[in-house]
Amino acid sequence: MTDKFDTELNTVLVDTFKSILKVEETSLKNKGLKNLSISEMHMLELVGKNKEGQTISQIAEGLKITLPSVTIAINKLEKKGYVQKVKNSLDARKVFIVLTRLGKKIDSVHRYFHEQMIRSISKDLTKGEKEIFLKGLKGINDFFKEKSVENK
């Protein structure tokens, strides 16, 4: 039997998840990025974390999706002008995906959105409240990671 806390927590988690995706999507569209999905944005974010770029395998591992899915998505992002493929100078068989200038600009806008979100959430919390909040979110994250492993 669930109590009031369980019911409220479920409602807040579901609403928060939906809101984050909706606000991110709206934010991208308001910046004129109507041709990018949230999934593509997160792929750009991962590629942008390494200045030398990422391999298809690294992207697939980082996003927990299949190699063919990454290949298709990267090809689309390349056609849209957000990424380019660069051969490794030491091993021509190895290809890195790097952000183009446009891709870097978009990644910067997306990172700024996340910085604003975090600042807004944490600004009125005490150090102790931040620790408790983070502990709770880590528990949620662990739950979803465990479920994603189970569903493979």
Foldseek 3Di string as FASTA:
>chain_A
DDDPVVVVVVVCVVVVVVVVLVVLQVLCVVVVNPVDHPVLLVLLLVQAVDQVAAFLVRSCVVVVHDSVVSVVSLVVCVVVQFWDWDADPVHRVTIGIHGDPVSVVSSVSSVVVVVVVVCVVPVPDDPVRVVVVVVVVVVVVVVVVVVVVVVD
